[in-house]
Amino acid sequence: MSLVVAFNLDDYAILATDKRGVLNYRNKNKEDFVLNINDSYQKLRKIPFGFFASAGDYLITECFYAECMAQTSQKRNLDQILEDTYHRYCNLQGVCHFAEMTTILLIAKGSNSNHQIKKDSILEINIQFQSIKIEEVPAMNLVALMANMNPDQNFWDKMGSCLRSSKDFIKFEDFFNYHVHLIKYIWKEQLKFDDLISNHIDFYFHDRRTSKGILLSADEFKVLPTGLIQQFSIGTERVSTSDYPV
């Protein structure tokens, strides 16, 4: 039970999530039971080569995080990490596997090709039984993951049309604040009909060219810290993404 949103704003990216984690169990009769609800679950995770958030099977998410953080004798690329995630999950005992699709939204450091650094990638990774699919989120597009769709079928198209490039603003601070308010508006609208999500918002803002980022907890996101944009512009908040799996 989640609301997870990713914006690709060309030179920048945003990940935002609620904090509700739900552990379900599905028996052999395909009956679902809720084992645990946690409104302080950390869905935004830092890994050695970026940041990610996910919706779907809690256990697949935990397996992916464990594989990203694992120390291995040989460096693995993303495909290998996902393959190891799949096998780790399948080897879990006493669980009903692949009851639902799991989607991971990943901001990963761009590769170095022919001495040219690519912008950091924003990837949508879908994992289900015998299938792992990776797609790149195009510039000036969004991805939203949720259990309950907005009754307004055009809502997410409207939100996508509201995305703006930093080039559309004279001041960088105005660009930043515009999308902060857009995220808050999305949550306000979703909470009107969706009681499966929490009203807390963890927020991550990322520069795709420099791999710098700002991670704000739900409490910090309510009232943005003083001087936040100035800190970001001078690089005092950094994401360590030097270990991208090539």
C-alpha atoms as a PDB file:
ATOM      1  CA  MET A   1       0.000   0.000   0.000  1.00  0.00           C
ATOM      2  CA  SER A   2       1.982   2.930  -1.296  1.00  0.00           C
ATOM      3  CA  LEU A   3       2.174   6.207  -3.078  1.00  0.00           C
ATOM      4  CA  VAL A   4       5.497   6.526  -4.855  1.00  0.00           C
ATOM      5  CA  VAL A   5       6.132   9.262  -7.412  1.00  0.00           C
ATOM      6  CA  ALA A   6       9.118   9.954  -9.672  1.00  0.00           C
ATOM      7  CA  PHE A   7       9.615  13.078 -11.789  1.00  0.00           C
ATOM      8  CA  ASN A   8      12.162  13.236 -14.601  1.00  0.00           C
ATOM      9  CA  LEU A   9      12.729  16.991 -14.938  1.00  0.00           C
ATOM     10  CA  ASP A  10      15.458  16.689 -17.584  1.00  0.00           C
ATOM     11  CA  ASP A  11      18.502  17.926 -15.649  1.00  0.00           C
ATOM     12  CA  TYR A  12      16.896  17.056 -12.314  1.00  0.00           C
ATOM     13  CA  ALA A  13      14.809  14.291 -10.760  1.00  0.00           C
ATOM     14  CA  ILE A  14      12.489  13.874  -7.801  1.00  0.00           C
ATOM     15  CA  LEU A  15      11.484  10.790  -5.830  1.00  0.00           C
ATOM     16  CA  ALA A  16       8.734  11.070  -3.229  1.00  0.00           C
ATOM     17  CA  THR A  17       7.085   8.354  -1.155  1.00  0.00           C
ATOM     18  CA  ASP A  18       4.667   7.893   1.689  1.00  0.00           C
ATOM     19  CA  LYS A  19       5.848   5.939   4.736  1.00  0.00           C
ATOM     20  CA  ARG A  20       3.280   3.144   5.019  1.00  0.00           C
ATOM     21  CA  GLY A  21       4.663  -0.348   4.768  1.00  0.00           C
ATOM     22  CA  VAL A  22       2.225  -3.289   4.753  1.00  0.00           C
ATOM     23  CA  LEU A  23       3.304  -6.914   5.098  1.00  0.00           C
ATOM     24  CA  ASN A  24       0.716  -9.244   3.550  1.00  0.00           C
ATOM     25  CA  TYR A  25       0.398 -13.007   3.543  1.00  0.00           C
ATOM     26  CA  ARG A  26      -1.504 -14.931   0.859  1.00  0.00           C
ATOM     27  CA  ASN A  27      -2.428 -18.522   1.655  1.00  0.00           C
ATOM     28  CA  LYS A  28      -2.878 -21.431  -0.742  1.00  0.00           C
ATOM     29  CA  ASN A  29      -6.489 -20.393  -1.311  1.00  0.00           C
ATOM     30  CA  LYS A  30      -5.252 -16.990  -2.491  1.00  0.00           C
ATOM     31  CA  GLU A  31      -6.757 -15.281   0.549  1.00  0.00           C
ATOM     32  CA  ASP A  32      -4.840 -12.190   1.689  1.00  0.00           C
ATOM     33  CA  PHE A  33      -4.095 -11.407   5.324  1.00  0.00           C
ATOM     34  CA  VAL A  34      -2.400  -8.283   6.675  1.00  0.00           C
ATOM     35  CA  LEU A  35       0.369  -9.254   9.088  1.00  0.00           C
ATOM     36  CA  ASN A  36       1.756  -5.817   9.882  1.00  0.00           C
ATOM     37  CA  ILE A  37       1.206  -2.113   9.098  1.00  0.00           C
ATOM     38  CA  ASN A  38       4.099   0.281   9.692  1.00  0.00           C
ATOM     39  CA  ASP A  39       3.668   4.037   9.167  1.00  0.00           C
ATOM     40  CA  SER A  40       7.364   4.760   9.657  1.00  0.00           C
ATOM     41  CA  TYR A  41       8.683   2.448   6.940  1.00  0.00           C
ATOM     42  CA  GLN A  42      11.594   3.944   5.003  1.00  0.00           C
ATOM     43  CA  LYS A  43      10.847   3.481   1.290  1.00  0.00           C
ATOM     44  CA  LEU A  44      13.460   5.935   0.016  1.00  0.00           C
ATOM     45  CA  ARG A  45      16.797   4.145   0.243  1.00  0.00           C
ATOM     46  CA  LYS A  46      20.346   5.214  -0.501  1.00  0.00           C
ATOM     47  CA  ILE A  47      22.527   2.594  -2.165  1.00  0.00           C
ATOM     48  CA  PRO A  48      26.149   2.829  -3.369  1.00  0.00           C
ATOM     49  CA  PHE A  49      25.139   3.894  -6.887  1.00  0.00           C
ATOM     50  CA  GLY A  50      22.069   6.052  -6.275  1.00  0.00           C
ATOM     51  CA  PHE A  51      18.657   6.136  -4.630  1.00  0.00           C
ATOM     52  CA  PHE A  52      15.529   4.042  -5.070  1.00  0.00           C
ATOM     53  CA  ALA A  53      11.945   3.647  -3.898  1.00  0.00           C
ATOM     54  CA  SER A  54       9.504   0.860  -4.607  1.00  0.00           C
ATOM     55  CA  ALA A  55       5.935  -0.410  -4.379  1.00  0.00           C
ATOM     56  CA  GLY A  56       4.709  -3.979  -4.340  1.00  0.00           C
ATOM     57  CA  ASP A  57       6.152  -6.965  -2.497  1.00  0.00           C
ATOM     58  CA  TYR A  58       7.974  -5.774   0.621  1.00  0.00           C
ATOM     59  CA  LEU A  59      10.237  -8.845   0.573  1.00  0.00           C
ATOM     60  CA  ILE A  60      11.448  -8.257  -2.994  1.00  0.00           C
ATOM     61  CA  THR A  61      12.337  -4.697  -2.000  1.00  0.00           C
ATOM     62  CA  GLU A  62      14.322  -5.968   0.980  1.00  0.00           C
ATOM     63  CA  CYS A  63      16.106  -8.529  -1.197  1.00  0.00           C
ATOM     64  CA  PHE A  64      17.022  -5.846  -3.752  1.00  0.00           C
ATOM     65  CA  TYR A  65      18.370  -3.562  -1.033  1.00  0.00           C
ATOM     66  CA  ALA A  66      20.400  -6.415   0.476  1.00  0.00           C
ATOM     67  CA  GLU A  67      21.943  -7.254  -2.904  1.00  0.00           C
ATOM     68  CA  CYS A  68      22.776  -3.605  -3.607  1.00  0.00           C
ATOM     69  CA  MET A  69      24.569  -3.331  -0.272  1.00  0.00           C
ATOM     70  CA  ALA A  70      26.288  -6.738  -0.424  1.00  0.00           C
ATOM     71  CA  GLN A  71      30.070  -6.894  -0.686  1.00  0.00           C
ATOM     72  CA  THR A  72      31.041  -9.245  -3.515  1.00  0.00           C
ATOM     73  CA  SER A  73      34.392 -10.420  -4.812  1.00  0.00           C
ATOM     74  CA  GLN A  74      33.536  -9.185  -8.311  1.00  0.00           C
ATOM     75  CA  LYS A  75      31.765  -6.009  -9.340  1.00  0.00           C
ATOM     76  CA  ARG A  76      28.244  -6.655 -10.635  1.00  0.00           C
ATOM     77  CA  ASN A  77      26.176  -4.666 -13.081  1.00  0.00           C
ATOM     78  CA  LEU A  78      22.523  -3.840 -12.496  1.00  0.00           C
ATOM     79  CA  ASP A  79      21.270  -6.861 -14.446  1.00  0.00           C
ATOM     80  CA  GLN A  80      23.357  -9.158 -12.242  1.00  0.00           C
ATOM     81  CA  ILE A  81      22.152  -7.456  -9.057  1.00  0.00           C
ATOM     82  CA  LEU A  82      18.551  -7.930 -10.184  1.00  0.00           C
ATOM     83  CA  GLU A  83      19.166 -11.570 -11.078  1.00  0.00           C
ATOM     84  CA  ASP A  84      20.661 -12.164  -7.623  1.00  0.00           C
ATOM     85  CA  THR A  85      17.691 -10.319  -6.095  1.00  0.00           C
ATOM     86  CA  TYR A  86      15.307 -12.666  -7.892  1.00  0.00           C
ATOM     87  CA  HIS A  87      17.111 -15.788  -6.684  1.00  0.00           C
ATOM     88  CA  ARG A  88      17.421 -14.503  -3.109  1.00  0.00           C
ATOM     89  CA  TYR A  89      13.681 -13.842  -3.036  1.00  0.00           C
ATOM     90  CA  CYS A  90      12.797 -17.241  -4.543  1.00  0.00           C
ATOM     91  CA  ASN A  91      14.873 -18.958  -1.859  1.00  0.00           C
ATOM     92  CA  LEU A  92      12.886 -17.379   0.978  1.00  0.00           C
ATOM     93  CA  GLN A  93      10.977 -20.035   2.896  1.00  0.00           C
ATOM     94  CA  GLY A  94       7.418 -19.860   4.208  1.00  0.00           C
ATOM     95  CA  VAL A  95       6.178 -17.049   1.946  1.00  0.00           C
ATOM     96  CA  CYS A  96       3.806 -16.905  -1.013  1.00  0.00           C
ATOM     97  CA  HIS A  97       6.023 -15.720  -3.850  1.00  0.00           C
ATOM     98  CA  PHE A  98       5.019 -13.226  -6.561  1.00  0.00           C
ATOM     99  CA  ALA A  99       1.552 -12.421  -5.221  1.00  0.00           C
ATOM    100  CA  GLU A 100       1.885  -9.030  -6.931  1.00  0.00           C
ATOM    101  CA  MET A 101       4.216  -7.167  -9.266  1.00  0.00           C
ATOM    102  CA  THR A 102       6.936  -5.108  -7.630  1.00  0.00           C
ATOM    103  CA  THR A 103       8.110  -1.860  -9.217  1.00  0.00           C
ATOM    104  CA  ILE A 104      11.388  -0.192  -8.283  1.00  0.00           C
ATOM    105  CA  LEU A 105      12.058   3.410  -9.290  1.00  0.00           C
ATOM    106  CA  LEU A 106      15.820   3.887  -9.364  1.00  0.00           C
ATOM    107  CA  ILE A 107      18.002   6.954  -9.862  1.00  0.00           C
ATOM    108  CA  ALA A 108      21.374   5.495 -10.863  1.00  0.00           C
ATOM    109  CA  LYS A 109      24.614   7.207 -11.776  1.00  0.00           C
ATOM    110  CA  GLY A 110      25.160   7.633 -15.488  1.00  0.00           C
ATOM    111  CA  SER A 111      27.848   5.559 -17.159  1.00  0.00           C
ATOM    112  CA  ASN A 112      31.069   6.879 -18.632  1.00  0.00           C
ATOM    113  CA  SER A 113      31.164   6.072 -22.348  1.00  0.00           C
ATOM    114  CA  ASN A 114      33.984   7.259 -24.621  1.00  0.00           C
ATOM    115  CA  HIS A 115      35.025   9.807 -21.963  1.00  0.00           C
ATOM    116  CA  GLN A 116      31.525  11.323 -21.944  1.00  0.00           C
ATOM    117  CA  ILE A 117      29.517  11.237 -18.725  1.00  0.00           C
ATOM    118  CA  LYS A 118      25.830  10.553 -19.287  1.00  0.00           C
ATOM    119  CA  LYS A 119      23.167  12.077 -17.090  1.00  0.00           C
ATOM    120  CA  ASP A 120      22.091   9.880 -14.212  1.00  0.00           C
ATOM    121  CA  SER A 121      19.383   7.451 -15.287  1.00  0.00           C
ATOM    122  CA  ILE A 122      15.843   7.252 -13.906  1.00  0.00           C
ATOM    123  CA  LEU A 123      14.749   3.646 -14.303  1.00  0.00           C
ATOM    124  CA  GLU A 124      11.458   1.833 -13.810  1.00  0.00           C
ATOM    125  CA  ILE A 125      12.131  -1.814 -12.933  1.00  0.00           C
ATOM    126  CA  ASN A 126       9.213  -4.269 -12.897  1.00  0.00           C
ATOM    127  CA  ILE A 127       9.716  -7.651 -11.228  1.00  0.00           C
ATOM    128  CA  GLN A 128       7.237 -10.517 -11.378  1.00  0.00           C
ATOM    129  CA  PHE A 129       7.326 -14.283 -11.846  1.00  0.00           C
ATOM    130  CA  GLN A 130       9.966 -15.173 -14.450  1.00  0.00           C
ATOM    131  CA  SER A 131      10.180 -11.564 -15.615  1.00  0.00           C
ATOM    132  CA  ILE A 132      12.379  -8.550 -14.918  1.00  0.00           C
ATOM    133  CA  LYS A 133      11.869  -5.531 -17.159  1.00  0.00           C
ATOM    134  CA  ILE A 134      13.825  -2.261 -17.105  1.00  0.00           C
ATOM    135  CA  GLU A 135      12.670   0.923 -18.813  1.00  0.00           C
ATOM    136  CA  GLU A 136      14.101   4.420 -18.667  1.00  0.00           C
ATOM    137  CA  VAL A 137      11.687   7.181 -17.674  1.00  0.00           C
ATOM    138  CA  PRO A 138      11.778   9.807 -20.471  1.00  0.00           C
ATOM    139  CA  ALA A 139      12.594  13.447 -19.758  1.00  0.00           C
ATOM    140  CA  MET A 140       9.672  15.603 -18.569  1.00  0.00           C
ATOM    141  CA  ASN A 141       7.628  12.567 -17.594  1.00  0.00           C
ATOM    142  CA  LEU A 142       6.462  11.090 -14.318  1.00  0.00           C
ATOM    143  CA  VAL A 143       5.747   7.643 -12.910  1.00  0.00           C
ATOM    144  CA  ALA A 144       3.237   7.149 -10.089  1.00  0.00           C
ATOM    145  CA  LEU A 145       2.714   3.901  -8.168  1.00  0.00           C
ATOM    146  CA  MET A 146      -0.373   3.368  -6.001  1.00  0.00           C
ATOM    147  CA  ALA A 147      -2.986   0.795  -5.076  1.00  0.00           C
ATOM    148  CA  ASN A 148      -6.004   3.093  -5.574  1.00  0.00           C
ATOM    149  CA  MET A 149      -6.281   5.131  -8.740  1.00  0.00           C
ATOM    150  CA  ASN A 150      -7.641   8.673  -8.688  1.00  0.00           C
ATOM    151  CA  PRO A 151     -11.336   8.750  -9.704  1.00  0.00           C
ATOM    152  CA  ASP A 152     -10.397  11.467 -12.169  1.00  0.00           C
ATOM    153  CA  GLN A 153      -8.973   9.360 -14.995  1.00  0.00           C
ATOM    154  CA  ASN A 154      -7.141  12.386 -16.382  1.00  0.00           C
ATOM    155  CA  PHE A 155      -5.510  13.344 -13.086  1.00  0.00           C
ATOM    156  CA  TRP A 156      -2.069  11.937 -13.812  1.00  0.00           C
ATOM    157  CA  ASP A 157      -2.051  13.300 -17.350  1.00  0.00           C
ATOM    158  CA  LYS A 158      -2.775  16.726 -15.834  1.00  0.00           C
ATOM    159  CA  MET A 159       0.069  16.275 -13.341  1.00  0.00           C
ATOM    160  CA  GLY A 160       2.440  15.256 -16.123  1.00  0.00           C
ATOM    161  CA  SER A 161       1.532  18.385 -18.091  1.00  0.00           C
ATOM    162  CA  CYS A 162       2.404  20.474 -15.012  1.00  0.00           C
ATOM    163  CA  LEU A 163       6.051  19.387 -14.970  1.00  0.00           C
ATOM    164  CA  ARG A 164       8.465  22.198 -15.779  1.00  0.00           C
ATOM    165  CA  SER A 165      12.132  22.387 -16.718  1.00  0.00           C
ATOM    166  CA  SER A 166      14.532  24.494 -14.671  1.00  0.00           C
ATOM    167  CA  LYS A 167      14.967  26.573 -17.838  1.00  0.00           C
ATOM    168  CA  ASP A 168      11.364  27.763 -17.426  1.00  0.00           C
ATOM    169  CA  PHE A 169      12.312  29.685 -14.266  1.00  0.00           C
ATOM    170  CA  ILE A 170      14.590  32.646 -13.699  1.00  0.00           C
ATOM    171  CA  LYS A 171      15.405  31.559 -10.162  1.00  0.00           C
ATOM    172  CA  PHE A 172      16.368  27.991  -9.331  1.00  0.00           C
ATOM    173  CA  GLU A 173      14.588  28.331  -5.988  1.00  0.00           C
ATOM    174  CA  ASP A 174      11.292  28.997  -7.792  1.00  0.00           C
ATOM    175  CA  PHE A 175      11.780  25.842  -9.891  1.00  0.00           C
ATOM    176  CA  PHE A 176      12.445  23.796  -6.753  1.00  0.00           C
ATOM    177  CA  ASN A 177       9.521  25.219  -4.777  1.00  0.00           C
ATOM    178  CA  TYR A 178       7.122  24.792  -7.705  1.00  0.00           C
ATOM    179  CA  HIS A 179       7.701  21.030  -7.760  1.00  0.00           C
ATOM    180  CA  VAL A 180       7.641  20.762  -3.967  1.00  0.00           C
ATOM    181  CA  HIS A 181       4.149  22.268  -4.039  1.00  0.00           C
ATOM    182  CA  LEU A 182       3.181  19.916  -6.883  1.00  0.00           C
ATOM    183  CA  ILE A 183       4.186  16.894  -4.790  1.00  0.00           C
ATOM    184  CA  LYS A 184       2.208  18.211  -1.817  1.00  0.00           C
ATOM    185  CA  TYR A 185      -0.817  18.787  -4.055  1.00  0.00           C
ATOM    186  CA  ILE A 186      -0.618  15.191  -5.344  1.00  0.00           C
ATOM    187  CA  TRP A 187      -0.639  13.860  -1.781  1.00  0.00           C
ATOM    188  CA  LYS A 188      -3.528  16.112  -0.775  1.00  0.00           C
ATOM    189  CA  GLU A 189      -5.627  14.866  -3.693  1.00  0.00           C
ATOM    190  CA  GLN A 190      -4.747  11.190  -3.140  1.00  0.00           C
ATOM    191  CA  LEU A 191      -5.584  11.347   0.572  1.00  0.00           C
ATOM    192  CA  LYS A 192      -9.117  12.514  -0.246  1.00  0.00           C
ATOM    193  CA  PHE A 193     -10.089   8.973  -1.288  1.00  0.00           C
ATOM    194  CA  ASP A 194      -7.148   6.670  -0.452  1.00  0.00           C
ATOM    195  CA  ASP A 195      -6.841   5.442   3.139  1.00  0.00           C
ATOM    196  CA  LEU A 196      -4.137   2.922   2.211  1.00  0.00           C
ATOM    197  CA  ILE A 197      -1.362   5.541   2.227  1.00  0.00           C
ATOM    198  CA  SER A 198       0.075   7.723   4.976  1.00  0.00           C
ATOM    199  CA  ASN A 199       0.163  11.510   4.878  1.00  0.00           C
ATOM    200  CA  HIS A 200       3.921  11.558   5.512  1.00  0.00           C
ATOM    201  CA  ILE A 201       6.149  12.420   2.543  1.00  0.00           C
ATOM    202  CA  ASP A 202       9.818  11.504   2.258  1.00  0.00           C
ATOM    203  CA  PHE A 203      11.376  13.566  -0.531  1.00  0.00           C
ATOM    204  CA  TYR A 204      14.545  13.296  -2.595  1.00  0.00           C
ATOM    205  CA  PHE A 205      15.730  15.933  -5.099  1.00  0.00           C
ATOM    206  CA  HIS A 206      18.573  15.022  -7.457  1.00  0.00           C
ATOM    207  CA  ASP A 207      20.819  16.772  -9.980  1.00  0.00           C
ATOM    208  CA  ARG A 208      21.253  14.274 -12.822  1.00  0.00           C
ATOM    209  CA  ARG A 209      24.382  16.028 -14.132  1.00  0.00           C
ATOM    210  CA  THR A 210      26.426  16.124 -10.922  1.00  0.00           C
ATOM    211  CA  SER A 211      24.868  13.277  -8.865  1.00  0.00           C
ATOM    212  CA  LYS A 212      24.264  15.702  -6.004  1.00  0.00           C
ATOM    213  CA  GLY A 213      21.074  15.281  -4.038  1.00  0.00           C
ATOM    214  CA  ILE A 214      19.020  16.417  -1.075  1.00  0.00           C
ATOM    215  CA  LEU A 215      17.112  13.873   1.012  1.00  0.00           C
ATOM    216  CA  LEU A 216      14.404  15.276   3.281  1.00  0.00           C
ATOM    217  CA  SER A 217      12.601  13.244   5.907  1.00  0.00           C
ATOM    218  CA  ALA A 218       8.842  13.644   6.264  1.00  0.00           C
ATOM    219  CA  ASP A 219       9.331  16.050   9.184  1.00  0.00           C
ATOM    220  CA  GLU A 220      11.835  18.166   7.237  1.00  0.00           C
ATOM    221  CA  PHE A 221       9.595  18.209   4.179  1.00  0.00           C
ATOM    222  CA  LYS A 222       6.716  19.774   6.148  1.00  0.00           C
ATOM    223  CA  VAL A 223       8.781  22.929   6.766  1.00  0.00           C
ATOM    224  CA  LEU A 224      11.756  23.171   4.452  1.00  0.00           C
ATOM    225  CA  PRO A 225      15.018  23.904   6.308  1.00  0.00           C
ATOM    226  CA  THR A 226      16.375  27.456   6.014  1.00  0.00           C
ATOM    227  CA  GLY A 227      19.042  27.855   3.339  1.00  0.00           C
ATOM    228  CA  LEU A 228      18.264  24.506   1.747  1.00  0.00           C
ATOM    229  CA  ILE A 229      18.693  25.682  -1.856  1.00  0.00           C
ATOM    230  CA  GLN A 230      21.904  27.536  -1.029  1.00  0.00           C
ATOM    231  CA  GLN A 231      23.324  24.344   0.478  1.00  0.00           C
ATOM    232  CA  PHE A 232      22.406  22.383  -2.608  1.00  0.00           C
ATOM    233  CA  SER A 233      23.915  24.904  -5.012  1.00  0.00           C
ATOM    234  CA  ILE A 234      27.295  24.890  -3.265  1.00  0.00           C
ATOM    235  CA  GLY A 235      27.332  21.121  -2.996  1.00  0.00           C
ATOM    236  CA  THR A 236      27.280  20.576   0.753  1.00  0.00           C
ATOM    237  CA  GLU A 237      24.750  17.745   0.290  1.00  0.00           C
ATOM    238  CA  ARG A 238      26.141  14.964  -1.876  1.00  0.00           C
ATOM    239  CA  VAL A 239      25.172  11.464  -2.861  1.00  0.00           C
ATOM    240  CA  SER A 240      28.046   9.021  -3.110  1.00  0.00           C
ATOM    241  CA  THR A 241      27.461   7.333  -6.451  1.00  0.00           C
ATOM    242  CA  SER A 242      31.001   6.480  -7.431  1.00  0.00           C
ATOM    243  CA  ASP A 243      30.345   2.728  -7.305  1.00  0.00           C
ATOM    244  CA  TYR A 244      27.838   2.518 -10.116  1.00  0.00           C
ATOM    245  CA  PRO A 245      27.591  -1.070 -11.384  1.00  0.00           C
ATOM    246  CA  VAL A 246      28.798  -0.650 -14.949  1.00  0.00           C
END
